[in-house]
Protein backbone atom coordinates (compact mmCIF):
# COMPACT_ATOMS: atom_id res chain seq x y z
CA MET A 1 30.47 19.36 50.78
CA ASN A 2 27.73 21.69 49.51
CA LYS A 3 29.20 21.46 46.02
CA ILE A 4 29.06 17.66 46.16
CA LYS A 5 25.42 17.73 47.31
CA SER A 6 24.52 20.18 44.58
CA SER A 7 26.16 17.99 41.95
CA LEU A 8 24.33 14.91 43.20
CA LEU A 9 20.99 16.74 43.22
CA ALA A 10 21.55 18.01 39.70
CA PHE A 11 22.51 14.53 38.50
CA GLY A 12 19.43 13.04 40.13
CA LEU A 13 17.20 15.65 38.51
CA ILE A 14 18.66 14.84 35.09
CA ILE A 15 17.91 11.16 35.65
CA ILE A 16 14.30 11.93 36.69
CA LEU A 17 13.71 14.21 33.70
CA SER A 18 15.26 11.71 31.31
CA GLY A 19 13.04 8.99 32.70
CA ALA A 20 9.95 11.19 32.32
CA SER A 21 10.93 12.00 28.74
CA ARG A 22 11.36 8.32 27.89
CA LYS A 23 8.02 7.55 29.51
CA ASN A 24 6.25 10.16 27.34
CA ILE A 25 7.89 8.83 24.19
CA GLU A 26 6.95 5.26 25.07
CA ALA A 27 3.36 6.28 25.91
CA SER A 28 2.91 8.03 22.57
CA GLU A 29 1.99 5.43 19.98
CA THR A 30 1.85 5.76 16.21
CA LEU A 31 -1.18 4.72 14.16
CA PRO A 32 -0.17 4.61 10.49
CA ALA A 33 -2.68 5.77 7.90
CA SER A 34 -2.74 2.33 6.32
CA ALA A 35 -4.31 0.95 9.51
CA LEU A 36 -7.27 3.37 9.38
CA HIS A 37 -10.68 2.50 7.97
CA VAL A 38 -11.83 5.09 5.42
CA TYR A 39 -15.44 5.92 4.57
CA GLY A 40 -15.94 7.78 1.29
CA ARG A 41 -13.80 7.94 -1.83
CA TYR A 42 -10.09 7.57 -1.11
CA LEU A 43 -6.88 6.02 -2.41
CA LEU A 44 -3.55 4.97 -0.89
CA ASN A 45 -0.43 6.55 -2.38
CA ASP A 46 2.98 4.91 -2.76
CA GLN A 47 3.89 5.84 0.82
CA LYS A 48 0.70 4.13 2.06
CA HIS A 49 -0.71 7.49 3.08
CA ILE A 50 -4.48 7.95 2.75
CA GLU A 51 -5.63 10.31 0.01
CA LEU A 52 -9.01 11.67 1.11
CA ILE A 53 -10.88 12.57 -2.09
CA SER A 54 -14.63 13.02 -1.77
CA SER A 55 -16.58 15.49 0.33
CA ALA A 56 -16.93 14.32 3.94
CA SER A 57 -14.73 11.26 3.39
CA HIS A 58 -13.74 10.37 6.93
CA ILE A 59 -11.78 8.23 9.38
CA GLY A 60 -12.18 7.49 13.08
CA PHE A 61 -9.91 6.61 15.97
CA THR A 62 -9.70 6.61 19.75
CA PHE A 63 -6.95 7.84 22.03
CA LYS A 64 -6.43 8.25 25.76
CA GLY A 65 -5.45 11.51 27.41
CA LYS A 66 -5.75 15.19 26.68
CA GLU A 67 -4.21 15.42 23.22
CA CYS A 68 -3.14 13.63 20.07
CA GLN A 69 -1.40 14.68 16.86
CA VAL A 70 -2.73 14.25 13.33
CA TYR A 71 -0.22 14.34 10.49
CA ALA A 72 -2.03 15.69 7.40
CA TYR A 73 -0.72 17.48 4.33
CA ILE A 74 -1.45 18.58 0.77
CA ASN A 75 0.84 18.55 -2.26
CA ASP A 76 0.20 22.14 -3.41
CA PRO A 77 2.82 24.35 -1.71
CA ASN A 78 0.81 27.48 -2.50
CA GLY A 79 -2.62 26.12 -1.63
CA HIS A 80 -4.70 25.15 1.36
CA ASN A 81 -7.53 22.79 2.18
CA TYR A 82 -9.75 21.94 5.14
CA LEU A 83 -10.50 19.09 7.50
CA GLN A 84 -13.10 19.18 10.25
CA TYR A 85 -13.61 16.94 13.23
CA GLU A 86 -15.77 15.85 16.14
CA ILE A 87 -14.76 14.55 19.57
CA ASP A 88 -17.01 12.23 21.53
CA ASP A 89 -19.93 12.92 19.15
CA VAL A 90 -19.59 16.71 19.50
CA TYR A 91 -18.62 18.73 16.42
CA GLN A 92 -15.56 20.94 16.97
CA LYS A 93 -14.31 23.03 14.05
CA ARG A 94 -12.59 23.16 10.67
CA ILE A 95 -8.80 22.82 10.43
CA LYS A 96 -6.89 24.62 7.68
CA ILE A 97 -4.19 22.48 6.06
CA SER A 98 -1.62 24.68 4.36
CA GLY A 99 0.75 23.48 1.68
CA LYS A 100 3.54 25.56 3.21
CA GLU A 101 3.37 23.83 6.58
CA LYS A 102 4.31 20.24 7.38
CA GLN A 103 3.52 20.33 11.10
CA PRO A 104 0.81 18.09 12.56
CA PHE A 105 -2.27 19.64 14.08
CA VAL A 106 -3.06 18.88 17.69
CA ILE A 107 -6.45 17.75 18.96
CA GLN A 108 -6.83 18.72 22.61
CA THR A 109 -9.39 17.78 25.26
CA SER A 110 -9.95 18.75 28.88
CA THR A 111 -10.33 15.26 30.34
CA ASN A 112 -7.82 12.47 30.72
CA LYS A 113 -9.93 9.60 29.41
CA VAL A 114 -10.45 7.59 26.22
CA HIS A 115 -11.85 9.84 23.48
CA THR A 116 -13.45 9.06 20.13
CA VAL A 117 -12.48 11.25 17.16
CA TRP A 118 -13.89 11.41 13.64
CA ILE A 119 -12.07 13.50 11.04
CA TYR A 120 -13.84 14.59 7.83
CA LYS A 121 -12.71 16.23 4.62
CA ALA A 122 -14.60 19.53 4.57
CA THR A 123 -14.13 20.15 0.87
CA GLU A 124 -14.90 18.40 -2.41
CA ALA A 125 -12.84 16.27 -4.78
CA HIS A 126 -12.05 19.10 -7.19
CA THR A 127 -10.50 21.11 -4.36
CA GLY A 128 -7.76 18.50 -4.31
CA PRO A 129 -6.92 15.63 -1.98
CA ILE A 130 -5.81 15.81 1.64
CA PHE A 131 -3.27 13.20 2.69
CA LEU A 132 -3.16 11.52 6.09
CA GLU A 133 0.20 10.09 7.10
CA LYS A 134 -0.28 8.97 10.70
CA ILE A 135 -1.80 9.77 14.08
CA MET A 136 0.19 9.86 17.28
CA GLY A 137 -1.20 9.60 20.79
CA THR A 138 -1.59 7.38 23.82
CA GLN A 139 -3.39 4.11 23.18
CA VAL A 140 -4.42 5.34 19.73
CA LYS A 141 -6.57 2.82 17.85
CA ALA A 142 -8.48 2.84 14.56
CA ILE A 143 -12.27 2.61 14.57
CA LYS A 144 -14.20 0.31 12.29
CA LYS A 145 -17.90 1.10 12.14
CA GLN A 146 -20.52 -1.46 12.94
CA PRO A 147 -22.39 -2.58 9.78
CA ALA A 148 -25.13 -0.12 8.86
CA PRO A 149 -27.13 0.73 5.73
CA LEU A 150 -25.18 2.93 3.32
CA ILE A 151 -26.61 5.86 1.34
CA GLU A 152 -24.66 7.32 -1.57
CA PHE A 153 -25.53 10.94 -2.30
CA ILE A 154 -24.74 11.96 -5.88
CA GLY A 155 -25.04 15.65 -6.64
CA ASN A 156 -23.55 19.07 -7.22
CA SER A 157 -22.37 21.92 -5.00
CA ILE A 158 -25.45 21.62 -2.79
CA THR A 159 -24.60 18.01 -1.97
CA CYS A 160 -20.97 19.08 -1.36
CA GLY A 161 -21.99 21.63 1.25
CA ALA A 162 -20.22 24.27 -0.85
CA ALA A 163 -20.59 27.99 -0.07
CA ALA A 164 -22.51 27.03 3.08
CA ASP A 165 -20.30 28.30 5.90
CA PRO A 166 -19.00 31.90 5.87
CA SER A 167 -18.36 31.87 9.64
CA GLU A 168 -14.57 32.01 9.19
CA VAL A 169 -14.15 33.52 5.71
CA PRO A 170 -16.98 35.88 4.62
CA CYS A 171 -18.80 35.41 1.32
CA GLY A 172 -16.86 37.08 -1.49
CA ALA A 173 -13.53 36.72 0.33
CA GLY A 174 -10.86 34.06 -0.04
CA VAL A 175 -11.25 31.23 -2.54
CA TYR A 176 -14.26 29.08 -3.39
CA HIS A 177 -13.61 26.26 -0.94
CA ASP A 178 -13.08 28.59 2.04
CA GLN A 179 -16.82 28.32 2.74
CA HIS A 180 -17.18 24.54 2.20
CA ASN A 181 -18.64 22.55 5.08
CA ALA A 182 -19.44 18.98 4.00
CA TYR A 183 -20.10 17.81 7.56
CA PHE A 184 -23.22 19.99 7.78
CA ALA A 185 -24.53 19.27 4.26
CA TYR A 186 -27.97 17.67 4.11
CA GLY A 187 -26.67 14.16 3.28
CA PRO A 188 -24.39 13.67 6.30
CA ARG A 189 -27.07 15.26 8.49
CA VAL A 190 -29.64 12.72 7.32
CA ALA A 191 -27.15 9.88 7.80
CA ARG A 192 -26.40 10.92 11.38
CA GLU A 193 -30.11 11.21 12.18
CA LEU A 194 -30.97 7.81 10.68
CA LYS A 195 -27.75 6.18 11.94
CA THR A 196 -26.67 5.11 8.46
CA ASP A 197 -23.32 5.29 6.69
CA PHE A 198 -22.91 7.65 3.75
CA ILE A 199 -20.69 8.59 0.85
CA LEU A 200 -20.86 11.87 -1.07
CA SER A 201 -20.19 11.66 -4.82
CA SER A 202 -20.58 15.30 -5.72
CA VAL A 203 -18.95 18.05 -7.77
CA SER A 204 -19.74 21.76 -7.76
CA GLY A 205 -21.26 23.12 -10.96
CA ILE A 206 -21.88 19.71 -12.49
CA GLY A 207 -24.98 18.49 -14.29
CA ILE A 208 -26.50 15.66 -16.27
CA TYR A 209 -26.06 16.90 -19.84
CA ARG A 210 -24.32 20.22 -19.21
CA ASN A 211 -22.67 22.10 -16.34
CA TRP A 212 -23.47 25.55 -14.99
CA ASN A 213 -21.24 27.36 -17.52
CA SER A 214 -20.02 24.64 -19.92
CA ASN A 215 -21.13 21.57 -21.84
CA GLY A 216 -19.00 19.24 -19.75
CA PRO A 217 -17.48 17.11 -18.50
CA THR A 218 -20.72 16.15 -16.80
CA MET A 219 -21.37 13.72 -13.95
CA PRO A 220 -22.00 10.75 -16.29
CA GLN A 221 -18.56 11.42 -17.80
CA VAL A 222 -16.62 11.54 -14.51
CA TYR A 223 -18.58 9.31 -12.13
CA GLU A 224 -16.35 6.28 -12.70
CA LYS A 225 -13.13 8.27 -12.10
CA ALA A 226 -11.87 8.08 -8.52
CA ASP A 227 -11.33 11.84 -8.33
CA PHE A 228 -14.17 12.88 -10.69
CA GLN A 229 -11.60 14.28 -13.14
CA TYR A 230 -12.42 13.64 -16.80
CA ASP A 231 -8.77 13.02 -17.71
CA GLY A 232 -8.08 11.08 -14.51
CA GLN A 233 -6.40 7.72 -14.98
CA ARG A 234 -7.47 6.18 -11.68
CA LEU A 235 -10.86 4.46 -11.61
CA TRP A 236 -13.01 4.15 -8.52
CA ASP A 237 -13.46 0.61 -7.24
CA PHE A 238 -17.23 0.34 -6.78
CA THR A 239 -16.85 -2.88 -4.83
CA ASN A 240 -15.59 -0.74 -1.94
CA SER A 241 -19.16 0.16 -1.05
CA LYS A 242 -22.62 -1.34 -1.39
CA PRO A 243 -25.23 1.35 -0.88
CA VAL A 244 -28.80 0.32 -0.20
CA ILE A 245 -29.94 3.72 -1.52
CA VAL A 246 -28.35 5.81 -4.27
CA SER A 247 -29.73 9.32 -4.06
CA ILE A 248 -29.24 11.50 -7.16
CA ALA A 249 -29.82 15.27 -7.08
CA LEU A 250 -28.73 16.72 -10.42
CA GLY A 251 -30.43 19.40 -12.46
CA THR A 252 -29.69 22.74 -10.85
CA ASN A 253 -26.78 23.37 -13.20
CA ASP A 254 -28.50 22.00 -16.29
CA PHE A 255 -31.09 24.76 -15.75
CA ALA A 256 -28.52 27.46 -14.97
CA ASN A 257 -28.11 30.49 -17.23
CA GLY A 258 -24.32 30.19 -17.25
CA ASP A 259 -21.74 32.84 -16.54
CA GLY A 260 -22.98 35.26 -19.20
CA LYS A 261 -19.70 35.01 -21.10
CA GLN A 262 -20.30 31.86 -23.15
CA GLU A 263 -23.28 31.16 -25.37
CA ARG A 264 -25.97 29.31 -23.43
CA LEU A 265 -28.84 27.60 -25.23
CA PRO A 266 -32.23 27.18 -23.56
CA PHE A 267 -32.72 24.14 -21.34
CA ASP A 268 -33.24 21.00 -23.43
CA SER A 269 -35.70 18.68 -21.67
CA ALA A 270 -35.11 15.81 -24.10
CA ALA A 271 -31.32 15.93 -23.67
CA TYR A 272 -31.70 16.09 -19.89
CA VAL A 273 -34.12 13.17 -19.63
CA SER A 274 -32.17 11.02 -22.11
CA GLY A 275 -28.86 11.71 -20.35
CA TYR A 276 -30.41 11.08 -16.94
CA ILE A 277 -31.83 7.71 -18.00
CA LYS A 278 -28.40 6.62 -19.27
CA PHE A 279 -26.77 7.78 -16.05
CA VAL A 280 -29.21 5.85 -13.86
CA GLN A 281 -28.48 2.79 -15.99
CA LEU A 282 -24.76 3.31 -15.31
CA VAL A 283 -25.40 3.60 -11.56
CA LYS A 284 -27.55 0.47 -11.59
CA SER A 285 -24.77 -1.41 -13.37
CA LYS A 286 -22.53 -0.64 -10.37
CA TYR A 287 -25.15 -1.27 -7.68
CA PRO A 288 -27.81 -3.67 -9.07
CA GLN A 289 -29.54 -4.12 -5.70
CA ALA A 290 -29.66 -0.45 -4.66
CA GLN A 291 -32.83 1.61 -4.40
CA ILE A 292 -32.60 4.60 -6.75
CA ALA A 293 -33.95 7.90 -5.42
CA LEU A 294 -34.20 11.03 -7.57
CA LEU A 295 -34.29 14.43 -5.88
CA SER A 296 -35.22 17.84 -7.24
CA SER A 297 -33.49 21.12 -6.35
CA PRO A 298 -34.54 23.65 -3.69
CA MET A 299 -32.82 26.37 -5.71
CA ILE A 300 -35.07 26.08 -8.78
CA ASN A 301 -38.36 27.98 -8.52
CA GLY A 302 -41.28 29.02 -10.69
CA SER A 303 -41.99 27.36 -14.03
CA ASN A 304 -38.54 25.75 -14.09
CA ARG A 305 -39.38 23.91 -10.87
CA ILE A 306 -42.42 22.32 -12.55
CA LYS A 307 -40.35 21.51 -15.63
CA LEU A 308 -37.65 19.83 -13.52
CA GLN A 309 -40.22 17.78 -11.62
CA ASN A 310 -41.80 16.65 -14.88
CA CYS A 311 -38.40 15.62 -16.22
CA ILE A 312 -37.57 13.66 -13.08
CA THR A 313 -40.94 11.92 -13.27
CA ALA A 314 -40.23 10.99 -16.89
CA VAL A 315 -36.88 9.50 -15.88
CA LYS A 316 -38.56 7.52 -13.12
CA GLU A 317 -41.18 6.07 -15.49
CA ASN A 318 -38.58 5.12 -18.09
CA ILE A 319 -36.31 3.39 -15.58
CA ASN A 320 -39.24 1.50 -14.04
CA SER A 321 -40.18 0.34 -17.54
CA LEU A 322 -36.62 -0.75 -18.34
CA PHE A 323 -36.18 -2.60 -15.02
CA PRO A 324 -39.64 -3.93 -14.15
CA LYS A 325 -38.28 -6.50 -11.64
CA ASP A 326 -36.21 -3.97 -9.67
CA LYS A 327 -37.35 -1.75 -6.85
CA PRO A 328 -39.33 1.16 -8.35
CA VAL A 329 -37.50 4.47 -8.52
CA ALA A 330 -38.45 6.83 -5.69
CA VAL A 331 -38.66 10.61 -6.13
CA PHE A 332 -38.62 13.53 -3.73
CA PHE A 333 -39.32 17.17 -4.55
CA PHE A 334 -37.81 19.78 -2.23
CA GLU A 335 -39.78 22.83 -1.24
CA PRO A 336 -38.29 25.94 -2.90
CA MET A 337 -36.15 28.13 -0.65
CA GLN A 338 -34.41 31.46 -0.72
CA ALA A 339 -30.94 30.15 0.05
CA LYS A 340 -28.89 32.27 2.45
CA GLY A 341 -25.39 30.95 1.76
CA CYS A 342 -22.74 32.40 -0.51
CA THR A 343 -23.58 32.93 -4.21
CA GLY A 344 -27.16 31.80 -3.70
CA HIS A 345 -26.30 28.42 -2.17
CA PRO A 346 -27.92 26.93 0.94
CA ASN A 347 -26.06 27.75 4.15
CA VAL A 348 -25.66 25.35 7.08
CA GLU A 349 -29.05 26.35 8.48
CA ASP A 350 -30.69 25.81 5.07
CA HIS A 351 -29.11 22.35 4.93
CA ALA A 352 -30.72 21.57 8.29
CA ILE A 353 -34.09 22.50 6.77
CA MET A 354 -33.42 20.32 3.72
CA ALA A 355 -32.39 17.39 5.92
CA LYS A 356 -35.56 17.73 7.97
CA GLN A 357 -37.66 17.73 4.79
CA VAL A 358 -36.08 14.65 3.28
CA SER A 359 -35.15 12.46 6.29
CA GLY A 360 -38.61 10.87 6.47
CA PHE A 361 -38.37 10.03 2.76
CA TYR A 362 -35.09 8.13 3.24
CA LYS A 363 -36.37 6.49 6.44
CA GLY A 364 -39.29 5.09 4.48
CA LEU A 365 -36.92 3.61 1.88
CA LEU A 366 -34.59 1.91 4.37
C-alpha cells in the first residue's frame, strides 16, 4: 500500500513540475531583433539581426519580472566588444560580448514589475559591429521613442567616449576599446539633459584633412559609408534621421604631431579650412534644414587653440556667405582642460564638465 502511495505521489509531483515548466516556457516571449526600433547607425543582416554600428547606437524594450535574456554576438571568434545598459532610467554597467561565447546575457532586477531597458553600444564603429538576435522575457515589448529633436554629433575619439573609462581595465592594459564608454560621452549626456534624441557619427583619430598619424581616410571620405570604412560598400541612408542640429567637432587630430614614426608636416590652416568648408557643404546636402554647429577641442591649448578657433571662425564665415538664406552657423569654443582619461583623453568626469559647458549652447539652438 505504501509503495502504491509513493508511486502516486511521485507521479503527481512529475505532473506538477511539468506543468510549471510549461508555464515558464509559455510566459517567456521572444522579441525578434527586427521588431526593435534602433537609434543610431545600424543595418539588418540577412538573418534580420540588428548590426549596431555607431557609438551609443541603442534600442529599448520593456519586460515584466525579475529577468530577461539578451541574445547578442560578434563575428570575430578571437575578439570582444561591449554593450552597456540602463534599467528604469538608472545606468547599470558594461557587458563584455566575447566572440568565443554564444550564450545570452541576463538582465536581472529585484522587483517583479514592468521594467524599461535601454541597451547601448559602448564602442565605436571601427571596433566592429555587435549583432542583436532577439530578446526573451515575460511580456517583452519594443519601445519606440516619442518624437523629439535630434542632434547628430560628428567627431573623433572624444565624441566616441574613447579612453574615458578605466574602471574595469586600467589605462595601458587590454586593447584600445576596453576603456570606451559612449554612454557617458558629452553628446549623450547633453541629449539626456535636454531630452533630445542623438546619433554619434564619430571615429577615433580622424580629422578633416588628415588623421592623427596619417593623411587619411578622413571624415569627409568616410562619412557617407554606413560603417565609416573607406572601402566599405554599404552606404548610410541619411533619410533614416533628420537632425535639427548637426554638431561637428573635428580638428584635434589635424593638429596632432603624429606617432613620431611617419613624416608629419606642420599644420596647414588653408587645407584645414578648405576641407572643412567642403565637408559642411556635404553635411548640408544631406540635412538642408539642420542647424550647423562647429565645436573646438578641449585638448588643444596655447597658440594652437587660438589658431583652431580662427580656422573655425573662417569656416563659419565662408558657409554663411555660401548659404545666406540658411540658419547662420553657430560656434562654441571649449575651455582647455588637462584631460584625465587614458592617453590624454577626457575621462567620464571630464565629459561631464564638457557637457555642462556646452548644454546651454545647444539649448539655445533648439
